[in-house]
Amino acid sequence: MATKRRGESAAWQHLYKRSRWLNLREQQLSREPLCRFCLITEDVTAAEVVDHIKEHKGDEALFFDPENLQSLCRHHHDSAKQAMERGVKVVTYGVDGYPIEIG
């Protein structure tokens, strides 16, 4: 399955090189410079990745929609967000010790 996803994503990797995306990415990180998932647990971490909330699968309208973007740290993008896209519920714990579902 991972190979299929990689093959599909290769079809739209060129979108990430467009100046329109690079400008949108810069605007997103300026508006939301901290990782959205880290902030849930009151952890202040700089965001490095601009993530599509809803998978765009090559749909340019969804790809370039500023409302479909969130800023994440590399750790959360590569772990929690990937798990969520596979249908796994991601739970973390707040400073009060209570579980919080992400996403």
PDB file of N, CA and C in Angstrom:
ATOM      1  N   MET A   1       0.817  -1.192   0.000  1.00  0.00           N
ATOM      2  CA  MET A   1       0.000   0.000   0.000  1.00  0.00           C
ATOM      3  C   MET A   1       0.867   1.265   0.000  1.00  0.00           C
ATOM      4  N   ALA A   2       1.965   1.218   0.751  1.00  0.00           N
ATOM      5  CA  ALA A   2       2.843   2.385   0.796  1.00  0.00           C
ATOM      6  C   ALA A   2       3.412   2.698  -0.587  1.00  0.00           C
ATOM      7  N   THR A   3       3.712   1.652  -1.356  1.00  0.00           N
ATOM      8  CA  THR A   3       4.233   1.857  -2.700  1.00  0.00           C
ATOM      9  C   THR A   3       3.186   2.523  -3.583  1.00  0.00           C
ATOM     10  N   LYS A   4       1.933   2.103  -3.459  1.00  0.00           N
ATOM     11  CA  LYS A   4       0.856   2.709  -4.243  1.00  0.00           C
ATOM     12  C   LYS A   4       0.720   4.192  -3.909  1.00  0.00           C
ATOM     13  N   ARG A   5       0.751   4.527  -2.600  1.00  0.00           N
ATOM     14  CA  ARG A   5       0.641   5.933  -2.181  1.00  0.00           C
ATOM     15  C   ARG A   5       1.793   6.754  -2.741  1.00  0.00           C
ATOM     16  N   ARG A   6       2.999   6.192  -2.715  1.00  0.00           N
ATOM     17  CA  ARG A   6       4.152   6.915  -3.249  1.00  0.00           C
ATOM     18  C   ARG A   6       3.992   7.165  -4.735  1.00  0.00           C
ATOM     19  N   GLY A   7       3.487   6.175  -5.463  1.00  0.00           N
ATOM     20  CA  GLY A   7       3.273   6.329  -6.895  1.00  0.00           C
ATOM     21  C   GLY A   7       2.238   7.388  -7.203  1.00  0.00           C
ATOM     22  N   GLU A   8       1.160   7.405  -6.407  1.00  0.00           N
ATOM     23  CA  GLU A   8       0.119   8.418  -6.591  1.00  0.00           C
ATOM     24  C   GLU A   8       0.669   9.810  -6.295  1.00  0.00           C
ATOM     25  N   SER A   9       1.403   9.944  -5.210  1.00  0.00           N
ATOM     26  CA  SER A   9       1.901  11.260  -4.832  1.00  0.00           C
ATOM     27  C   SER A   9       2.923  11.796  -5.824  1.00  0.00           C
ATOM     28  N   ALA A  10       3.638  10.910  -6.509  1.00  0.00           N
ATOM     29  CA  ALA A  10       4.617  11.359  -7.504  1.00  0.00           C
ATOM     30  C   ALA A  10       3.936  12.143  -8.617  1.00  0.00           C
ATOM     31  N   ALA A  11       2.683  11.836  -8.870  1.00  0.00           N
ATOM     32  CA  ALA A  11       1.943  12.506  -9.942  1.00  0.00           C
ATOM     33  C   ALA A  11       1.713  13.985  -9.651  1.00  0.00           C
ATOM     34  N   TRP A  12       1.752  14.370  -8.398  1.00  0.00           N
ATOM     35  CA  TRP A  12       1.507  15.786  -8.086  1.00  0.00           C
ATOM     36  C   TRP A  12       2.648  16.445  -7.317  1.00  0.00           C
ATOM     37  N   GLN A  13       3.794  15.802  -7.237  1.00  0.00           N
ATOM     38  CA  GLN A  13       4.940  16.397  -6.547  1.00  0.00           C
ATOM     39  C   GLN A  13       5.366  17.721  -7.174  1.00  0.00           C
ATOM     40  N   HIS A  14       5.127  17.888  -8.474  1.00  0.00           N
ATOM     41  CA  HIS A  14       5.506  19.125  -9.147  1.00  0.00           C
ATOM     42  C   HIS A  14       4.769  20.338  -8.562  1.00  0.00           C
ATOM     43  N   LEU A  15       3.608  20.124  -7.948  1.00  0.00           N
ATOM     44  CA  LEU A  15       2.856  21.242  -7.368  1.00  0.00           C
ATOM     45  C   LEU A  15       3.645  21.920  -6.249  1.00  0.00           C
ATOM     46  N   TYR A  16       4.447  21.149  -5.536  1.00  0.00           N
ATOM     47  CA  TYR A  16       5.221  21.691  -4.417  1.00  0.00           C
ATOM     48  C   TYR A  16       6.378  22.579  -4.886  1.00  0.00           C
ATOM     49  N   LYS A  17       6.678  22.579  -6.156  1.00  0.00           N
ATOM     50  CA  LYS A  17       7.768  23.406  -6.682  1.00  0.00           C
ATOM     51  C   LYS A  17       7.278  24.720  -7.282  1.00  0.00           C
ATOM     52  N   ARG A  18       5.985  24.860  -7.427  1.00  0.00           N
ATOM     53  CA  ARG A  18       5.420  26.074  -8.026  1.00  0.00           C
ATOM     54  C   ARG A  18       5.571  27.269  -7.093  1.00  0.00           C
ATOM     55  N   SER A  19       5.814  28.428  -7.678  1.00  0.00           N
ATOM     56  CA  SER A  19       5.959  29.644  -6.871  1.00  0.00           C
ATOM     57  C   SER A  19       4.663  29.931  -6.098  1.00  0.00           C
ATOM     58  N   ARG A  20       3.524  29.581  -6.698  1.00  0.00           N
ATOM     59  CA  ARG A  20       2.242  29.781  -5.994  1.00  0.00           C
ATOM     60  C   ARG A  20       2.237  29.016  -4.670  1.00  0.00           C
ATOM     61  N   TRP A  21       2.725  27.753  -4.678  1.00  0.00           N
ATOM     62  CA  TRP A  21       2.777  26.967  -3.446  1.00  0.00           C
ATOM     63  C   TRP A  21       3.812  27.545  -2.483  1.00  0.00           C
ATOM     64  N   LEU A  22       4.980  27.893  -2.980  1.00  0.00           N
ATOM     65  CA  LEU A  22       6.032  28.417  -2.111  1.00  0.00           C
ATOM     66  C   LEU A  22       5.577  29.696  -1.412  1.00  0.00           C
ATOM     67  N   ASN A  23       4.858  30.563  -2.109  1.00  0.00           N
ATOM     68  CA  ASN A  23       4.311  31.778  -1.489  1.00  0.00           C
ATOM     69  C   ASN A  23       3.234  31.444  -0.469  1.00  0.00           C
ATOM     70  N   LEU A  24       2.361  30.504  -0.807  1.00  0.00           N
ATOM     71  CA  LEU A  24       1.295  30.100   0.105  1.00  0.00           C
ATOM     72  C   LEU A  24       1.880  29.469   1.362  1.00  0.00           C
ATOM     73  N   ARG A  25       2.909  28.662   1.187  1.00  0.00           N
ATOM     74  CA  ARG A  25       3.588  28.018   2.316  1.00  0.00           C
ATOM     75  C   ARG A  25       4.191  29.072   3.247  1.00  0.00           C
ATOM     76  N   GLU A  26       4.851  30.036   2.664  1.00  0.00           N
ATOM     77  CA  GLU A  26       5.461  31.108   3.456  1.00  0.00           C
ATOM     78  C   GLU A  26       4.391  31.895   4.222  1.00  0.00           C
ATOM     79  N   GLN A  27       3.277  32.195   3.568  1.00  0.00           N
ATOM     80  CA  GLN A  27       2.173  32.905   4.232  1.00  0.00           C
ATOM     81  C   GLN A  27       1.616  32.082   5.388  1.00  0.00           C
ATOM     82  N   GLN A  28       1.455  30.780   5.175  1.00  0.00           N
ATOM     83  CA  GLN A  28       0.916  29.916   6.228  1.00  0.00           C
ATOM     84  C   GLN A  28       1.838  29.898   7.443  1.00  0.00           C
ATOM     85  N   LEU A  29       3.125  29.740   7.222  1.00  0.00           N
ATOM     86  CA  LEU A  29       4.071  29.706   8.344  1.00  0.00           C
ATOM     87  C   LEU A  29       4.165  31.059   9.046  1.00  0.00           C
ATOM     88  N   SER A  30       3.916  32.132   8.331  1.00  0.00           N
ATOM     89  CA  SER A  30       3.886  33.462   8.962  1.00  0.00           C
ATOM     90  C   SER A  30       2.647  33.619   9.837  1.00  0.00           C
ATOM     91  N   ARG A  31       1.513  33.124   9.318  1.00  0.00           N
ATOM     92  CA  ARG A  31       0.254  33.208  10.083  1.00  0.00           C
ATOM     93  C   ARG A  31       0.242  32.259  11.272  1.00  0.00           C
ATOM     94  N   GLU A  32       0.806  31.086  11.093  1.00  0.00           N
ATOM     95  CA  GLU A  32       0.775  30.035  12.115  1.00  0.00           C
ATOM     96  C   GLU A  32       2.182  29.451  12.257  1.00  0.00           C
ATOM     97  N   PRO A  33       3.052  30.141  12.994  1.00  0.00           N
ATOM     98  CA  PRO A  33       4.452  29.713  13.061  1.00  0.00           C
ATOM     99  C   PRO A  33       4.711  28.534  14.002  1.00  0.00           C
ATOM    100  N   LEU A  34       3.714  28.164  14.808  1.00  0.00           N
ATOM    101  CA  LEU A  34       3.891  27.078  15.769  1.00  0.00           C
ATOM    102  C   LEU A  34       3.096  25.848  15.348  1.00  0.00           C
ATOM    103  N   CYS A  35       3.574  24.695  15.751  1.00  0.00           N
ATOM    104  CA  CYS A  35       2.917  23.433  15.430  1.00  0.00           C
ATOM    105  C   CYS A  35       1.544  23.367  16.097  1.00  0.00           C
ATOM    106  N   ARG A  36       0.529  23.179  15.277  1.00  0.00           N
ATOM    107  CA  ARG A  36      -0.854  23.115  15.767  1.00  0.00           C
ATOM    108  C   ARG A  36      -1.055  21.937  16.725  1.00  0.00           C
ATOM    109  N   PHE A  37      -0.444  20.797  16.450  1.00  0.00           N
ATOM    110  CA  PHE A  37      -0.612  19.627  17.312  1.00  0.00           C
ATOM    111  C   PHE A  37       0.113  19.816  18.644  1.00  0.00           C
ATOM    112  N   CYS A  38       1.288  20.415  18.625  1.00  0.00           N
ATOM    113  CA  CYS A  38       2.023  20.664  19.872  1.00  0.00           C
ATOM    114  C   CYS A  38       1.246  21.608  20.788  1.00  0.00           C
ATOM    115  N   LEU A  39       0.610  22.605  20.203  1.00  0.00           N
ATOM    116  CA  LEU A  39      -0.132  23.580  20.998  1.00  0.00           C
ATOM    117  C   LEU A  39      -1.291  22.953  21.768  1.00  0.00           C
ATOM    118  N   ILE A  40      -1.798  21.826  21.278  1.00  0.00           N
ATOM    119  CA  ILE A  40      -2.882  21.128  21.974  1.00  0.00           C
ATOM    120  C   ILE A  40      -2.442  20.747  23.378  1.00  0.00           C
ATOM    121  N   THR A  41      -1.177  20.403  23.545  1.00  0.00           N
ATOM    122  CA  THR A  41      -0.650  20.026  24.862  1.00  0.00           C
ATOM    123  C   THR A  41       0.187  21.148  25.478  1.00  0.00           C
ATOM    124  N   GLU A  42      -0.013  22.347  24.967  1.00  0.00           N
ATOM    125  CA  GLU A  42       0.671  23.545  25.467  1.00  0.00           C
ATOM    126  C   GLU A  42       2.185  23.473  25.310  1.00  0.00           C
ATOM    127  N   ASP A  43       2.630  22.761  24.306  1.00  0.00           N
ATOM    128  CA  ASP A  43       4.049  22.683  23.969  1.00  0.00           C
ATOM    129  C   ASP A  43       4.301  23.678  22.841  1.00  0.00           C
ATOM    130  N   VAL A  44       5.275  24.529  23.003  1.00  0.00           N
ATOM    131  CA  VAL A  44       5.567  25.550  21.997  1.00  0.00           C
ATOM    132  C   VAL A  44       6.719  25.050  21.132  1.00  0.00           C
ATOM    133  N   THR A  45       6.367  24.683  19.895  1.00  0.00           N
ATOM    134  CA  THR A  45       7.352  24.142  18.959  1.00  0.00           C
ATOM    135  C   THR A  45       7.181  24.823  17.608  1.00  0.00           C
ATOM    136  N   ALA A  46       8.276  25.251  17.032  1.00  0.00           N
ATOM    137  CA  ALA A  46       8.225  25.890  15.711  1.00  0.00           C
ATOM    138  C   ALA A  46       7.741  24.887  14.666  1.00  0.00           C
ATOM    139  N   ALA A  47       6.889  25.356  13.788  1.00  0.00           N
ATOM    140  CA  ALA A  47       6.400  24.536  12.678  1.00  0.00           C
ATOM    141  C   ALA A  47       7.426  24.551  11.555  1.00  0.00           C
ATOM    142  N   GLU A  48       7.599  23.417  10.908  1.00  0.00           N
ATOM    143  CA  GLU A  48       8.508  23.303   9.779  1.00  0.00           C
ATOM    144  C   GLU A  48       7.773  22.883   8.509  1.00  0.00           C
ATOM    145  N   VAL A  49       6.597  22.301   8.681  1.00  0.00           N
ATOM    146  CA  VAL A  49       5.864  21.708   7.566  1.00  0.00           C
ATOM    147  C   VAL A  49       4.504  22.369   7.432  1.00  0.00           C
ATOM    148  N   VAL A  50       4.133  22.686   6.202  1.00  0.00           N
ATOM    149  CA  VAL A  50       2.771  23.136   5.926  1.00  0.00           C
ATOM    150  C   VAL A  50       2.036  21.913   5.393  1.00  0.00           C
ATOM    151  N   ASP A  51       1.049  21.491   6.145  1.00  0.00           N
ATOM    152  CA  ASP A  51       0.330  20.248   5.879  1.00  0.00           C
ATOM    153  C   ASP A  51      -1.061  20.523   5.331  1.00  0.00           C
ATOM    154  N   HIS A  52      -1.502  19.664   4.428  1.00  0.00           N
ATOM    155  CA  HIS A  52      -2.871  19.730   3.930  1.00  0.00           C
ATOM    156  C   HIS A  52      -3.761  18.962   4.903  1.00  0.00           C
ATOM    157  N   ILE A  53      -4.724  19.642   5.501  1.00  0.00           N
ATOM    158  CA  ILE A  53      -5.617  19.023   6.477  1.00  0.00           C
ATOM    159  C   ILE A  53      -6.368  17.866   5.833  1.00  0.00           C
ATOM    160  N   LYS A  54      -6.970  18.125   4.703  1.00  0.00           N
ATOM    161  CA  LYS A  54      -7.650  17.096   3.934  1.00  0.00           C
ATOM    162  C   LYS A  54      -6.744  16.742   2.760  1.00  0.00           C
ATOM    163  N   GLU A  55      -6.519  15.451   2.548  1.00  0.00           N
ATOM    164  CA  GLU A  55      -5.661  15.027   1.449  1.00  0.00           C
ATOM    165  C   GLU A  55      -6.186  15.583   0.125  1.00  0.00           C
ATOM    166  N   HIS A  56      -5.302  16.184  -0.640  1.00  0.00           N
ATOM    167  CA  HIS A  56      -5.724  16.801  -1.902  1.00  0.00           C
ATOM    168  C   HIS A  56      -5.726  15.825  -3.071  1.00  0.00           C
ATOM    169  N   LYS A  57      -4.876  14.804  -3.026  1.00  0.00           N
ATOM    170  CA  LYS A  57      -4.779  13.789  -4.081  1.00  0.00           C
ATOM    171  C   LYS A  57      -4.694  14.393  -5.482  1.00  0.00           C
ATOM    172  N   GLY A  58      -3.995  15.506  -5.584  1.00  0.00           N
ATOM    173  CA  GLY A  58      -3.781  16.152  -6.880  1.00  0.00           C
ATOM    174  C   GLY A  58      -4.820  17.184  -7.260  1.00  0.00           C
ATOM    175  N   ASP A  59      -5.858  17.343  -6.467  1.00  0.00           N
ATOM    176  CA  ASP A  59      -6.893  18.352  -6.728  1.00  0.00           C
ATOM    177  C   ASP A  59      -6.288  19.726  -6.437  1.00  0.00           C
ATOM    178  N   GLU A  60      -6.026  20.499  -7.477  1.00  0.00           N
ATOM    179  CA  GLU A  60      -5.344  21.785  -7.310  1.00  0.00           C
ATOM    180  C   GLU A  60      -6.153  22.782  -6.486  1.00  0.00           C
ATOM    181  N   ALA A  61      -7.474  22.758  -6.591  1.00  0.00           N
ATOM    182  CA  ALA A  61      -8.298  23.673  -5.791  1.00  0.00           C
ATOM    183  C   ALA A  61      -8.085  23.393  -4.306  1.00  0.00           C
ATOM    184  N   LEU A  62      -8.048  22.125  -3.927  1.00  0.00           N
ATOM    185  CA  LEU A  62      -7.822  21.746  -2.534  1.00  0.00           C
ATOM    186  C   LEU A  62      -6.365  21.973  -2.145  1.00  0.00           C
ATOM    187  N   PHE A  63      -5.452  21.715  -3.067  1.00  0.00           N
ATOM    188  CA  PHE A  63      -4.020  21.891  -2.815  1.00  0.00           C
ATOM    189  C   PHE A  63      -3.700  23.340  -2.458  1.00  0.00           C
ATOM    190  N   PHE A  64      -4.266  24.282  -3.199  1.00  0.00           N
ATOM    191  CA  PHE A  64      -3.952  25.697  -3.007  1.00  0.00           C
ATOM    192  C   PHE A  64      -4.956  26.429  -2.102  1.00  0.00           C
ATOM    193  N   ASP A  65      -5.848  25.714  -1.449  1.00  0.00           N
ATOM    194  CA  ASP A  65      -6.840  26.320  -0.557  1.00  0.00           C
ATOM    195  C   ASP A  65      -6.197  26.649   0.791  1.00  0.00           C
ATOM    196  N   PRO A  66      -6.068  27.929   1.149  1.00  0.00           N
ATOM    197  CA  PRO A  66      -5.446  28.299   2.421  1.00  0.00           C
ATOM    198  C   PRO A  66      -6.208  27.755   3.637  1.00  0.00           C
ATOM    199  N   GLU A  67      -7.505  27.502   3.484  1.00  0.00           N
ATOM    200  CA  GLU A  67      -8.308  26.958   4.590  1.00  0.00           C
ATOM    201  C   GLU A  67      -8.009  25.475   4.818  1.00  0.00           C
ATOM    202  N   ASN A  68      -7.313  24.851   3.894  1.00  0.00           N
ATOM    203  CA  ASN A  68      -6.977  23.433   4.010  1.00  0.00           C
ATOM    204  C   ASN A  68      -5.545  23.227   4.501  1.00  0.00           C
ATOM    205  N   LEU A  69      -4.945  24.247   5.066  1.00  0.00           N
ATOM    206  CA  LEU A  69      -3.551  24.167   5.505  1.00  0.00           C
ATOM    207  C   LEU A  69      -3.427  24.303   7.006  1.00  0.00           C
ATOM    208  N   GLN A  70      -2.433  23.619   7.548  1.00  0.00           N
ATOM    209  CA  GLN A  70      -2.073  23.771   8.953  1.00  0.00           C
ATOM    210  C   GLN A  70      -0.566  23.647   9.066  1.00  0.00           C
ATOM    211  N   SER A  71      -0.013  24.282  10.087  1.00  0.00           N
ATOM    212  CA  SER A  71       1.421  24.238  10.319  1.00  0.00           C
ATOM    213  C   SER A  71       1.713  23.156  11.360  1.00  0.00           C
ATOM    214  N   LEU A  72       2.693  22.307  11.050  1.00  0.00           N
ATOM    215  CA  LEU A  72       3.070  21.220  11.953  1.00  0.00           C
ATOM    216  C   LEU A  72       4.587  21.139  12.086  1.00  0.00           C
ATOM    217  N   CYS A  73       5.038  20.597  13.202  1.00  0.00           N
ATOM    218  CA  CYS A  73       6.460  20.285  13.329  1.00  0.00           C
ATOM    219  C   CYS A  73       6.715  19.002  12.532  1.00  0.00           C
ATOM    220  N   ARG A  74       7.954  18.743  12.195  1.00  0.00           N
ATOM    221  CA  ARG A  74       8.303  17.566  11.398  1.00  0.00           C
ATOM    222  C   ARG A  74       7.845  16.283  12.110  1.00  0.00           C
ATOM    223  N   HIS A  75       8.042  16.200  13.425  1.00  0.00           N
ATOM    224  CA  HIS A  75       7.670  15.006  14.192  1.00  0.00           C
ATOM    225  C   HIS A  75       6.185  14.686  14.032  1.00  0.00           C
ATOM    226  N   HIS A  76       5.322  15.668  14.251  1.00  0.00           N
ATOM    227  CA  HIS A  76       3.886  15.401  14.161  1.00  0.00           C
ATOM    228  C   HIS A  76       3.439  15.135  12.722  1.00  0.00           C
ATOM    229  N   HIS A  77       4.045  15.800  11.764  1.00  0.00           N
ATOM    230  CA  HIS A  77       3.686  15.541  10.370  1.00  0.00           C
ATOM    231  C   HIS A  77       4.040  14.107   9.979  1.00  0.00           C
ATOM    232  N   ASP A  78       5.215  13.654  10.401  1.00  0.00           N
ATOM    233  CA  ASP A  78       5.693  12.340   9.988  1.00  0.00           C
ATOM    234  C   ASP A  78       5.166  11.197  10.856  1.00  0.00           C
ATOM    235  N   SER A  79       4.525  11.515  11.975  1.00  0.00           N
ATOM    236  CA  SER A  79       4.007  10.447  12.828  1.00  0.00           C
ATOM    237  C   SER A  79       2.486  10.541  12.959  1.00  0.00           C
ATOM    238  N   ALA A  80       2.006  11.452  13.779  1.00  0.00           N
ATOM    239  CA  ALA A  80       0.572  11.541  14.063  1.00  0.00           C
ATOM    240  C   ALA A  80      -0.256  11.776  12.804  1.00  0.00           C
ATOM    241  N   LYS A  81       0.140  12.700  11.967  1.00  0.00           N
ATOM    242  CA  LYS A  81      -0.645  13.015  10.773  1.00  0.00           C
ATOM    243  C   LYS A  81      -0.677  11.836   9.809  1.00  0.00           C
ATOM    244  N   GLN A  82       0.451  11.139   9.639  1.00  0.00           N
ATOM    245  CA  GLN A  82       0.482   9.978   8.763  1.00  0.00           C
ATOM    246  C   GLN A  82      -0.417   8.864   9.305  1.00  0.00           C
ATOM    247  N   ALA A  83      -0.413   8.666  10.618  1.00  0.00           N
ATOM    248  CA  ALA A  83      -1.287   7.669  11.235  1.00  0.00           C
ATOM    249  C   ALA A  83      -2.748   8.028  11.011  1.00  0.00           C
ATOM    250  N   MET A  84      -3.084   9.297  11.163  1.00  0.00           N
ATOM    251  CA  MET A  84      -4.458   9.752  10.956  1.00  0.00           C
ATOM    252  C   MET A  84      -4.901   9.472   9.514  1.00  0.00           C
ATOM    253  N   GLU A  85      -4.026   9.672   8.570  1.00  0.00           N
ATOM    254  CA  GLU A  85      -4.362   9.430   7.166  1.00  0.00           C
ATOM    255  C   GLU A  85      -4.562   7.945   6.877  1.00  0.00           C
ATOM    256  N   ARG A  86      -4.006   7.088   7.745  1.00  0.00           N
ATOM    257  CA  ARG A  86      -4.230   5.645   7.609  1.00  0.00           C
ATOM    258  C   ARG A  86      -5.456   5.202   8.408  1.00  0.00           C
ATOM    259  N   GLY A  87      -6.151   6.164   9.030  1.00  0.00           N
ATOM    260  CA  GLY A  87      -7.369   5.841   9.768  1.00  0.00           C
ATOM    261  C   GLY A  87      -7.166   5.515  11.234  1.00  0.00           C
ATOM    262  N   VAL A  88      -5.976   5.756  11.751  1.00  0.00           N
ATOM    263  CA  VAL A  88      -5.680   5.480  13.154  1.00  0.00           C
ATOM    264  C   VAL A  88      -6.065   6.691  14.001  1.00  0.00           C
ATOM    265  N   LYS A  89      -6.773   6.452  15.108  1.00  0.00           N
ATOM    266  CA  LYS A  89      -7.084   7.545  16.034  1.00  0.00           C
ATOM    267  C   LYS A  89      -5.813   7.876  16.809  1.00  0.00           C
ATOM    268  N   VAL A  90      -5.492   9.153  16.869  1.00  0.00           N
ATOM    269  CA  VAL A  90      -4.286   9.591  17.559  1.00  0.00           C
ATOM    270  C   VAL A  90      -4.706  10.304  18.837  1.00  0.00           C
ATOM    271  N   VAL A  91      -4.174   9.809  19.949  1.00  0.00           N
ATOM    272  CA  VAL A  91      -4.514  10.372  21.255  1.00  0.00           C
ATOM    273  C   VAL A  91      -3.231  10.835  21.922  1.00  0.00           C
ATOM    274  N   THR A  92      -3.294  12.006  22.523  1.00  0.00           N
ATOM    275  CA  THR A  92      -2.186  12.514  23.316  1.00  0.00           C
ATOM    276  C   THR A  92      -2.768  12.902  24.675  1.00  0.00           C
ATOM    277  N   TYR A  93      -1.953  13.383  25.553  1.00  0.00           N
ATOM    278  CA  TYR A  93      -2.434  13.734  26.892  1.00  0.00           C
ATOM    279  C   TYR A  93      -2.135  15.191  27.189  1.00  0.00           C
ATOM    280  N   GLY A  94      -3.130  15.876  27.711  1.00  0.00           N
ATOM    281  CA  GLY A  94      -2.991  17.281  28.065  1.00  0.00           C
ATOM    282  C   GLY A  94      -2.177  17.445  29.325  1.00  0.00           C
ATOM    283  N   VAL A  95      -1.887  18.682  29.658  1.00  0.00           N
ATOM    284  CA  VAL A  95      -1.102  18.961  30.866  1.00  0.00           C
ATOM    285  C   VAL A  95      -1.843  18.506  32.120  1.00  0.00           C
ATOM    286  N   ASP A  96      -3.168  18.360  32.028  1.00  0.00           N
ATOM    287  CA  ASP A  96      -3.963  17.893  33.163  1.00  0.00           C
ATOM    288  C   ASP A  96      -4.008  16.365  33.253  1.00  0.00           C
ATOM    289  N   GLY A  97      -3.382  15.678  32.286  1.00  0.00           N
ATOM    290  CA  GLY A  97      -3.335  14.231  32.302  1.00  0.00           C
ATOM    291  C   GLY A  97      -4.489  13.553  31.582  1.00  0.00           C
ATOM    292  N   TYR A  98      -5.457  14.330  31.113  1.00  0.00           N
ATOM    293  CA  TYR A  98      -6.593  13.751  30.417  1.00  0.00           C
ATOM    294  C   TYR A  98      -6.250  13.542  28.949  1.00  0.00           C
ATOM    295  N   PRO A  99      -6.781  12.449  28.370  1.00  0.00           N
ATOM    296  CA  PRO A  99      -6.514  12.185  26.949  1.00  0.00           C
ATOM    297  C   PRO A  99      -7.217  13.199  26.047  1.00  0.00           C
ATOM    298  N   ILE A 100      -6.533  13.507  24.945  1.00  0.00           N
ATOM    299  CA  ILE A 100      -7.062  14.430  23.936  1.00  0.00           C
ATOM    300  C   ILE A 100      -6.887  13.756  22.592  1.00  0.00           C
ATOM    301  N   GLU A 101      -7.957  13.617  21.831  1.00  0.00           N
ATOM    302  CA  GLU A 101      -7.850  13.065  20.482  1.00  0.00           C
ATOM    303  C   GLU A 101      -7.451  14.160  19.535  1.00  0.00           C
ATOM    304  N   ILE A 102      -6.436  13.917  18.741  1.00  0.00           N
ATOM    305  CA  ILE A 102      -5.962  14.900  17.773  1.00  0.00           C
ATOM    306  C   ILE A 102      -6.706  14.672  16.457  1.00  0.00           C
ATOM    307  N   GLY A 103      -7.085  15.766  15.838  1.00  0.00           N
ATOM    308  CA  GLY A 103      -7.683  15.661  14.525  1.00  0.00           C
ATOM    309  C   GLY A 103      -9.129  15.676  14.520  1.00  0.00           C
TER     310      GLY A 103
END
